[in-house]
Protein backbone atom coordinates (compact mmCIF):
# COMPACT_ATOMS: atom_id res chain seq x y z
CA MET A 1 102.87 113.61 109.00
CA ARG A 2 102.17 116.68 106.92
CA GLY A 3 103.36 117.06 103.37
CA MET A 4 102.56 117.74 99.77
CA ILE A 5 102.56 115.99 96.43
CA ILE A 6 103.33 117.87 93.25
CA LYS A 7 101.12 115.78 90.99
CA ASP A 8 102.01 115.16 87.36
CA ASP A 9 100.79 111.60 87.08
CA SER A 10 97.58 109.74 87.96
CA ARG A 11 99.55 107.42 90.28
CA TYR A 12 100.00 110.37 92.63
CA TYR A 13 96.23 110.76 93.08
CA PHE A 14 96.05 107.12 94.17
CA MET A 15 99.03 107.63 96.47
CA GLU A 16 97.43 110.67 98.10
CA LYS A 17 94.15 108.83 98.66
CA TYR A 18 95.96 105.80 100.11
CA LEU A 19 98.19 107.84 102.43
CA SER A 20 95.27 110.02 103.53
CA GLN A 21 93.59 106.87 104.79
CA LYS A 22 96.75 106.27 106.86
CA ASN A 23 96.31 109.73 108.47
CA PHE A 24 98.88 111.58 106.38
CA ILE A 25 97.85 115.21 105.90
CA PHE A 26 98.30 116.87 102.52
CA THR A 27 98.65 120.57 101.86
CA GLU A 28 98.66 122.83 98.84
CA GLU A 29 101.86 123.66 96.97
CA THR A 30 101.78 127.13 98.54
CA GLU A 31 102.38 125.70 102.04
CA PRO A 32 105.58 127.10 103.57
CA PRO A 33 108.30 124.42 103.38
CA GLU A 34 109.11 124.73 107.09
CA ASN A 35 105.66 123.22 107.83
CA LEU A 36 106.28 120.06 105.79
CA ASP A 37 107.49 116.66 106.94
CA PHE A 38 107.77 115.41 103.36
CA VAL A 39 107.56 116.55 99.75
CA ILE A 40 106.81 114.23 96.83
CA PHE A 41 108.06 115.70 93.56
CA PRO A 42 106.76 114.74 90.10
CA PHE A 43 107.66 111.61 88.17
CA LYS A 44 108.89 113.72 85.28
CA GLU A 45 112.25 115.44 85.53
CA ASN A 46 110.98 118.98 85.00
CA ILE A 47 111.07 120.75 88.35
CA ASP A 48 110.39 124.49 88.52
CA ALA A 49 113.78 125.60 89.84
CA THR A 50 112.52 129.16 90.32
CA ILE A 51 110.17 127.89 93.05
CA TYR A 52 111.98 124.77 94.29
CA ASN A 53 115.41 126.32 94.58
CA GLY A 54 118.16 126.23 97.19
CA GLU A 55 116.23 128.60 99.44
CA TYR A 56 113.16 126.34 99.33
CA PHE A 57 115.16 123.21 100.19
CA GLY A 58 117.01 125.11 102.91
CA ARG A 59 113.71 126.08 104.56
CA LEU A 60 112.44 122.50 104.77
CA LYS A 61 112.51 120.92 108.23
CA LYS A 62 115.87 119.28 108.90
CA ASP A 63 114.22 115.85 109.08
CA ALA A 64 111.91 116.39 106.09
CA LEU A 65 111.92 113.59 103.54
CA VAL A 66 112.06 114.33 99.82
CA PHE A 67 110.76 111.89 97.20
CA SER A 68 110.37 111.80 93.44
CA GLY A 69 109.07 109.17 91.06
CA VAL A 70 112.27 108.70 89.11
CA TYR A 71 115.77 109.86 90.01
CA ASN A 72 116.25 113.58 89.48
CA ALA A 73 119.82 114.95 89.55
CA TYR A 74 118.63 118.48 90.42
CA ILE A 75 116.61 117.32 93.44
CA ASP A 76 119.52 115.12 94.51
CA ARG A 77 121.91 118.12 94.39
CA MET A 78 119.48 120.33 96.31
CA CYS A 79 119.01 117.67 98.99
CA GLN A 80 122.72 117.02 99.32
CA SER A 81 123.52 120.72 99.67
CA SER A 82 120.76 121.26 102.24
CA GLY A 83 121.30 118.02 104.18
CA ARG A 84 117.95 116.41 103.34
CA LEU A 85 117.23 112.74 102.65
CA TYR A 86 116.15 112.03 99.07
CA PHE A 87 114.46 108.90 97.72
CA ALA A 88 113.62 108.14 94.09
CA MET A 89 110.71 105.71 94.37
CA MET A 90 111.42 103.86 91.11
CA ASP A 91 114.93 103.05 92.37
CA ASP A 92 113.24 100.62 94.77
CA LYS A 93 112.98 97.29 92.96
CA GLY A 94 109.68 96.42 94.69
CA VAL A 95 108.05 99.70 93.66
CA ALA A 96 109.36 99.40 90.09
CA THR A 97 108.05 95.83 89.81
CA LYS A 98 104.60 96.71 91.17
CA ASN A 99 104.49 99.71 88.83
CA ALA A 100 105.24 97.57 85.76
CA VAL A 101 101.85 95.81 85.74
CA PRO A 102 99.55 98.85 85.61
CA THR A 103 101.98 100.57 83.25
CA SER A 104 101.94 97.66 80.81
CA GLU A 105 98.16 97.33 81.05
CA GLU A 106 97.75 100.98 80.08
CA VAL A 107 99.64 100.47 76.82
CA ARG A 108 97.21 99.63 74.02
CA VAL A 109 98.32 98.52 70.56
């Protein structure tokens, strides 16, 4: 599978390394959307709507998967209007639970 990660968080570097070992291929953000099997958007809610607009989502492959770290209403709307599947990774209880440990360990008082 060929896709891209729009990294805004160190967890995405780990994810890319892990998935690369599973033979996923990663491209630059300039890759035409019609070449992508998946897109992983940032954890934060700020998405550049001038780049990732309705035209962009419309050009994705029909079976392309779209992910983000946390739920993003804008991405959800774009996916619904273009007929793409959208998954917010933190909505999965298993992912959220596994994420809690390294997140809590990073917090220093």
